[in-house]
Amino acid sequence: MSKNKDNDELLRAQINDIIEADIQLGINDYLEGKESEQKSGVGFSDPDAGADQLNVKVSRDEIDKILKEYKRIKKAEKSNLGEVKKLGLTDQFGRQL
């Protein structure tokens, strides 16, 4: 059981890192765009209003929801019907099984 919990914690940490990195990248791109607007004089941004970088935190509940969905998908892939779908088998009329 401990191995399962360790795997859950590892997956939870990986999901959290991916989400935070993606959101942080978007925020940093936005801030760089605002900085270039300030240098070129385009837009109505106040140079003293923003910070150089913002930090992102993701709720543990949201990560748990994603982890639960991930496990559901993996379980379906490992099922017998999932294996049949991977093989791409068809019935005698050419329809997917």
N, C-alpha and C. Protein backbone atom coordinates (compact mmCIF):
# COMPACT_ATOMS: atom_id res chain seq x y z
N MET A 1 0.83 -1.20 0.00
CA MET A 1 0.00 0.00 0.00
C MET A 1 0.87 1.25 0.00
N SER A 2 2.01 1.17 0.68
CA SER A 2 2.90 2.32 0.76
C SER A 2 3.45 2.69 -0.61
N LYS A 3 3.71 1.67 -1.42
CA LYS A 3 4.21 1.92 -2.78
C LYS A 3 3.18 2.69 -3.60
N ASN A 4 1.92 2.34 -3.44
CA ASN A 4 0.83 3.03 -4.15
C ASN A 4 0.75 4.49 -3.72
N LYS A 5 0.89 4.75 -2.42
CA LYS A 5 0.85 6.14 -1.93
C LYS A 5 2.06 6.92 -2.42
N ASP A 6 3.22 6.26 -2.48
CA ASP A 6 4.42 6.93 -3.00
C ASP A 6 4.23 7.30 -4.47
N ASN A 7 3.62 6.39 -5.23
CA ASN A 7 3.35 6.67 -6.64
C ASN A 7 2.36 7.83 -6.78
N ASP A 8 1.35 7.85 -5.93
CA ASP A 8 0.37 8.94 -5.96
C ASP A 8 1.04 10.27 -5.66
N GLU A 9 1.90 10.30 -4.67
CA GLU A 9 2.60 11.54 -4.31
C GLU A 9 3.52 11.98 -5.45
N LEU A 10 4.19 11.03 -6.09
CA LEU A 10 5.07 11.36 -7.21
C LEU A 10 4.27 11.93 -8.37
N LEU A 11 3.15 11.28 -8.70
CA LEU A 11 2.28 11.79 -9.77
C LEU A 11 1.73 13.16 -9.42
N ARG A 12 1.31 13.33 -8.18
CA ARG A 12 0.77 14.61 -7.72
C ARG A 12 1.81 15.72 -7.88
N ALA A 13 3.04 15.43 -7.51
CA ALA A 13 4.12 16.42 -7.63
C ALA A 13 4.41 16.75 -9.09
N GLN A 14 4.40 15.73 -9.95
CA GLN A 14 4.65 15.97 -11.37
C GLN A 14 3.54 16.81 -12.00
N ILE A 15 2.29 16.50 -11.68
CA ILE A 15 1.17 17.27 -12.20
C ILE A 15 1.26 18.71 -11.72
N ASN A 16 1.56 18.90 -10.46
CA ASN A 16 1.68 20.24 -9.90
C ASN A 16 2.78 21.03 -10.61
N ASP A 17 3.92 20.40 -10.84
CA ASP A 17 5.03 21.07 -11.53
C ASP A 17 4.65 21.46 -12.95
N ILE A 18 3.97 20.57 -13.67
CA ILE A 18 3.58 20.86 -15.04
C ILE A 18 2.60 22.03 -15.09
N ILE A 19 1.60 22.00 -14.23
CA ILE A 19 0.59 23.07 -14.22
C ILE A 19 1.22 24.40 -13.85
N GLU A 20 2.01 24.40 -12.78
CA GLU A 20 2.64 25.65 -12.35
C GLU A 20 3.58 26.20 -13.41
N ALA A 21 4.35 25.33 -14.07
CA ALA A 21 5.27 25.80 -15.10
C ALA A 21 4.52 26.39 -16.28
N ASP A 22 3.43 25.75 -16.69
CA ASP A 22 2.65 26.25 -17.81
C ASP A 22 2.01 27.60 -17.50
N ILE A 23 1.43 27.72 -16.33
CA ILE A 23 0.80 28.98 -15.94
C ILE A 23 1.86 30.06 -15.76
N GLN A 24 2.98 29.71 -15.13
CA GLN A 24 4.05 30.68 -14.91
C GLN A 24 4.60 31.19 -16.24
N LEU A 25 4.73 30.30 -17.22
CA LEU A 25 5.22 30.70 -18.54
C LEU A 25 4.27 31.70 -19.18
N GLY A 26 2.97 31.43 -19.08
CA GLY A 26 1.98 32.35 -19.63
C GLY A 26 2.02 33.71 -18.95
N ILE A 27 2.17 33.72 -17.65
CA ILE A 27 2.23 34.98 -16.91
C ILE A 27 3.50 35.75 -17.29
N ASN A 28 4.62 35.05 -17.36
CA ASN A 28 5.87 35.72 -17.71
C ASN A 28 5.83 36.29 -19.13
N ASP A 29 5.22 35.55 -20.07
CA ASP A 29 5.07 36.08 -21.43
C ASP A 29 4.21 37.34 -21.43
N TYR A 30 3.16 37.32 -20.65
CA TYR A 30 2.28 38.49 -20.55
C TYR A 30 3.05 39.69 -20.00
N LEU A 31 3.81 39.45 -18.94
CA LEU A 31 4.58 40.54 -18.33
C LEU A 31 5.65 41.07 -19.28
N GLU A 32 6.28 40.19 -20.04
CA GLU A 32 7.27 40.64 -21.02
C GLU A 32 6.61 41.48 -22.11
N GLY A 33 5.40 41.10 -22.50
CA GLY A 33 4.65 41.89 -23.48
C GLY A 33 4.32 43.27 -22.94
N LYS A 34 3.94 43.34 -21.68
CA LYS A 34 3.65 44.63 -21.06
C LYS A 34 4.91 45.48 -20.97
N GLU A 35 6.04 44.83 -20.69
CA GLU A 35 7.30 45.55 -20.60
C GLU A 35 7.69 46.14 -21.95
N SER A 36 7.48 45.37 -23.02
CA SER A 36 7.80 45.88 -24.35
C SER A 36 6.85 47.01 -24.74
N GLU A 37 5.60 46.95 -24.28
CA GLU A 37 4.66 48.05 -24.55
C GLU A 37 5.11 49.31 -23.83
N GLN A 38 5.61 49.15 -22.62
CA GLN A 38 6.08 50.31 -21.86
C GLN A 38 7.28 50.95 -22.54
N LYS A 39 8.18 50.14 -23.07
CA LYS A 39 9.37 50.67 -23.73
C LYS A 39 9.01 51.38 -25.02
N SER A 40 8.01 50.85 -25.74
CA SER A 40 7.65 51.45 -27.01
C SER A 40 6.62 52.57 -26.84
N GLY A 41 6.05 52.69 -25.65
CA GLY A 41 5.07 53.75 -25.40
C GLY A 41 3.68 53.39 -25.88
N VAL A 42 3.42 52.14 -26.23
CA VAL A 42 2.11 51.71 -26.70
C VAL A 42 1.31 51.21 -25.50
N GLY A 43 0.04 51.51 -25.45
CA GLY A 43 -0.83 51.02 -24.39
C GLY A 43 -0.94 52.01 -23.26
N PHE A 44 -1.70 51.61 -22.26
CA PHE A 44 -1.98 52.49 -21.14
C PHE A 44 -1.44 51.91 -19.83
N SER A 45 -0.35 51.20 -19.88
CA SER A 45 0.15 50.56 -18.67
C SER A 45 1.00 51.53 -17.86
N ASP A 46 0.88 51.39 -16.57
CA ASP A 46 1.64 52.22 -15.63
C ASP A 46 2.93 51.48 -15.30
N PRO A 47 4.10 52.08 -15.51
CA PRO A 47 5.35 51.37 -15.28
C PRO A 47 5.55 50.94 -13.83
N ASP A 48 4.95 51.64 -12.89
CA ASP A 48 5.13 51.29 -11.48
C ASP A 48 4.07 50.31 -10.98
N ALA A 49 3.11 49.94 -11.82
CA ALA A 49 1.98 49.12 -11.38
C ALA A 49 2.31 47.64 -11.26
N GLY A 50 3.19 47.08 -12.10
CA GLY A 50 3.39 45.64 -12.12
C GLY A 50 4.70 45.20 -11.50
N ALA A 51 4.79 43.91 -11.23
CA ALA A 51 6.02 43.32 -10.72
C ALA A 51 6.75 42.68 -11.90
N ASP A 52 7.99 42.31 -11.66
CA ASP A 52 8.77 41.66 -12.72
C ASP A 52 8.32 40.23 -12.96
N GLN A 53 7.87 39.56 -11.91
CA GLN A 53 7.47 38.16 -12.04
C GLN A 53 6.43 37.83 -10.96
N LEU A 54 5.44 37.04 -11.33
CA LEU A 54 4.42 36.59 -10.40
C LEU A 54 4.62 35.11 -10.11
N ASN A 55 4.23 34.68 -8.95
CA ASN A 55 4.33 33.27 -8.58
C ASN A 55 2.96 32.63 -8.62
N VAL A 56 2.94 31.33 -8.95
CA VAL A 56 1.69 30.60 -9.12
C VAL A 56 1.63 29.46 -8.10
N LYS A 57 0.48 29.30 -7.48
CA LYS A 57 0.24 28.16 -6.60
C LYS A 57 -1.05 27.49 -7.09
N VAL A 58 -1.06 26.16 -7.10
CA VAL A 58 -2.21 25.40 -7.57
C VAL A 58 -2.82 24.66 -6.38
N SER A 59 -4.13 24.67 -6.30
CA SER A 59 -4.84 24.02 -5.21
C SER A 59 -4.62 22.50 -5.23
N ARG A 60 -4.43 21.92 -4.07
CA ARG A 60 -4.24 20.47 -3.96
C ARG A 60 -5.50 19.73 -4.42
N ASP A 61 -6.67 20.31 -4.19
CA ASP A 61 -7.92 19.69 -4.63
C ASP A 61 -7.96 19.56 -6.15
N GLU A 62 -7.49 20.59 -6.85
CA GLU A 62 -7.47 20.55 -8.32
C GLU A 62 -6.50 19.48 -8.81
N ILE A 63 -5.37 19.36 -8.17
CA ILE A 63 -4.41 18.33 -8.55
C ILE A 63 -4.99 16.95 -8.30
N ASP A 64 -5.71 16.79 -7.18
CA ASP A 64 -6.35 15.50 -6.89
C ASP A 64 -7.40 15.15 -7.94
N LYS A 65 -8.14 16.14 -8.44
CA LYS A 65 -9.13 15.88 -9.49
C LYS A 65 -8.44 15.40 -10.77
N ILE A 66 -7.33 16.05 -11.11
CA ILE A 66 -6.59 15.65 -12.31
C ILE A 66 -6.00 14.26 -12.13
N LEU A 67 -5.48 13.97 -10.95
CA LEU A 67 -4.92 12.66 -10.66
C LEU A 67 -5.99 11.58 -10.75
N LYS A 68 -7.17 11.85 -10.24
CA LYS A 68 -8.27 10.89 -10.29
C LYS A 68 -8.67 10.61 -11.75
N GLU A 69 -8.73 11.65 -12.56
CA GLU A 69 -9.08 11.49 -13.98
C GLU A 69 -7.98 10.70 -14.70
N TYR A 70 -6.72 10.99 -14.38
CA TYR A 70 -5.59 10.28 -14.97
C TYR A 70 -5.67 8.78 -14.66
N LYS A 71 -5.95 8.45 -13.39
CA LYS A 71 -6.06 7.05 -13.00
C LYS A 71 -7.22 6.35 -13.70
N ARG A 72 -8.34 7.08 -13.87
CA ARG A 72 -9.50 6.50 -14.56
C ARG A 72 -9.14 6.17 -16.00
N ILE A 73 -8.44 7.08 -16.67
CA ILE A 73 -8.05 6.86 -18.06
C ILE A 73 -7.07 5.69 -18.16
N LYS A 74 -6.09 5.63 -17.28
CA LYS A 74 -5.11 4.54 -17.30
C LYS A 74 -5.79 3.20 -17.03
N LYS A 75 -6.76 3.18 -16.12
CA LYS A 75 -7.49 1.94 -15.83
C LYS A 75 -8.27 1.48 -17.06
N ALA A 76 -8.88 2.43 -17.76
CA ALA A 76 -9.64 2.09 -18.96
C ALA A 76 -8.71 1.58 -20.06
N GLU A 77 -7.51 2.15 -20.16
CA GLU A 77 -6.55 1.69 -21.17
C GLU A 77 -6.08 0.27 -20.90
N LYS A 78 -5.99 -0.10 -19.63
CA LYS A 78 -5.51 -1.43 -19.27
C LYS A 78 -6.60 -2.49 -19.34
N SER A 79 -7.85 -2.08 -19.47
CA SER A 79 -8.94 -3.05 -19.50
C SER A 79 -8.92 -3.83 -20.82
N ASN A 80 -9.70 -4.91 -20.86
CA ASN A 80 -9.77 -5.73 -22.07
C ASN A 80 -10.29 -4.92 -23.26
N LEU A 81 -11.30 -4.10 -23.03
CA LEU A 81 -11.84 -3.29 -24.11
C LEU A 81 -10.81 -2.26 -24.58
N GLY A 82 -10.02 -1.75 -23.66
CA GLY A 82 -8.96 -0.82 -24.03
C GLY A 82 -7.92 -1.48 -24.90
N GLU A 83 -7.59 -2.72 -24.60
CA GLU A 83 -6.63 -3.46 -25.42
C GLU A 83 -7.17 -3.69 -26.82
N VAL A 84 -8.45 -3.99 -26.93
CA VAL A 84 -9.07 -4.19 -28.24
C VAL A 84 -9.03 -2.90 -29.05
N LYS A 85 -9.30 -1.77 -28.40
CA LYS A 85 -9.25 -0.48 -29.09
C LYS A 85 -7.85 -0.18 -29.58
N LYS A 86 -6.83 -0.53 -28.79
CA LYS A 86 -5.44 -0.31 -29.20
C LYS A 86 -5.11 -1.10 -30.46
N LEU A 87 -5.64 -2.31 -30.55
CA LEU A 87 -5.35 -3.15 -31.70
C LEU A 87 -6.05 -2.67 -32.96
N GLY A 88 -7.11 -1.91 -32.81
CA GLY A 88 -7.84 -1.38 -33.97
C GLY A 88 -8.61 -2.47 -34.70
N LEU A 89 -9.11 -3.44 -33.97
CA LEU A 89 -9.84 -4.55 -34.58
C LEU A 89 -11.20 -4.10 -35.09
N THR A 90 -11.66 -4.76 -36.13
CA THR A 90 -12.98 -4.47 -36.70
C THR A 90 -13.79 -5.76 -36.78
N ASP A 91 -15.11 -5.61 -36.83
CA ASP A 91 -15.95 -6.78 -36.98
C ASP A 91 -16.05 -7.14 -38.46
N GLN A 92 -16.92 -8.10 -38.79
CA GLN A 92 -17.02 -8.60 -40.17
C GLN A 92 -17.55 -7.52 -41.14
N PHE A 93 -18.16 -6.45 -40.61
CA PHE A 93 -18.70 -5.39 -41.45
C PHE A 93 -17.78 -4.18 -41.52
N GLY A 94 -16.62 -4.26 -40.90
CA GLY A 94 -15.65 -3.18 -40.95
C GLY A 94 -15.83 -2.11 -39.89
N ARG A 95 -16.73 -2.34 -38.94
CA ARG A 95 -16.94 -1.37 -37.85
C ARG A 95 -15.98 -1.65 -36.72
N GLN A 96 -15.63 -0.59 -36.00
CA GLN A 96 -14.76 -0.75 -34.84
C GLN A 96 -15.45 -1.57 -33.76
N LEU A 97 -14.69 -2.41 -33.09
CA LEU A 97 -15.25 -3.20 -31.99
C LEU A 97 -15.34 -2.36 -30.73
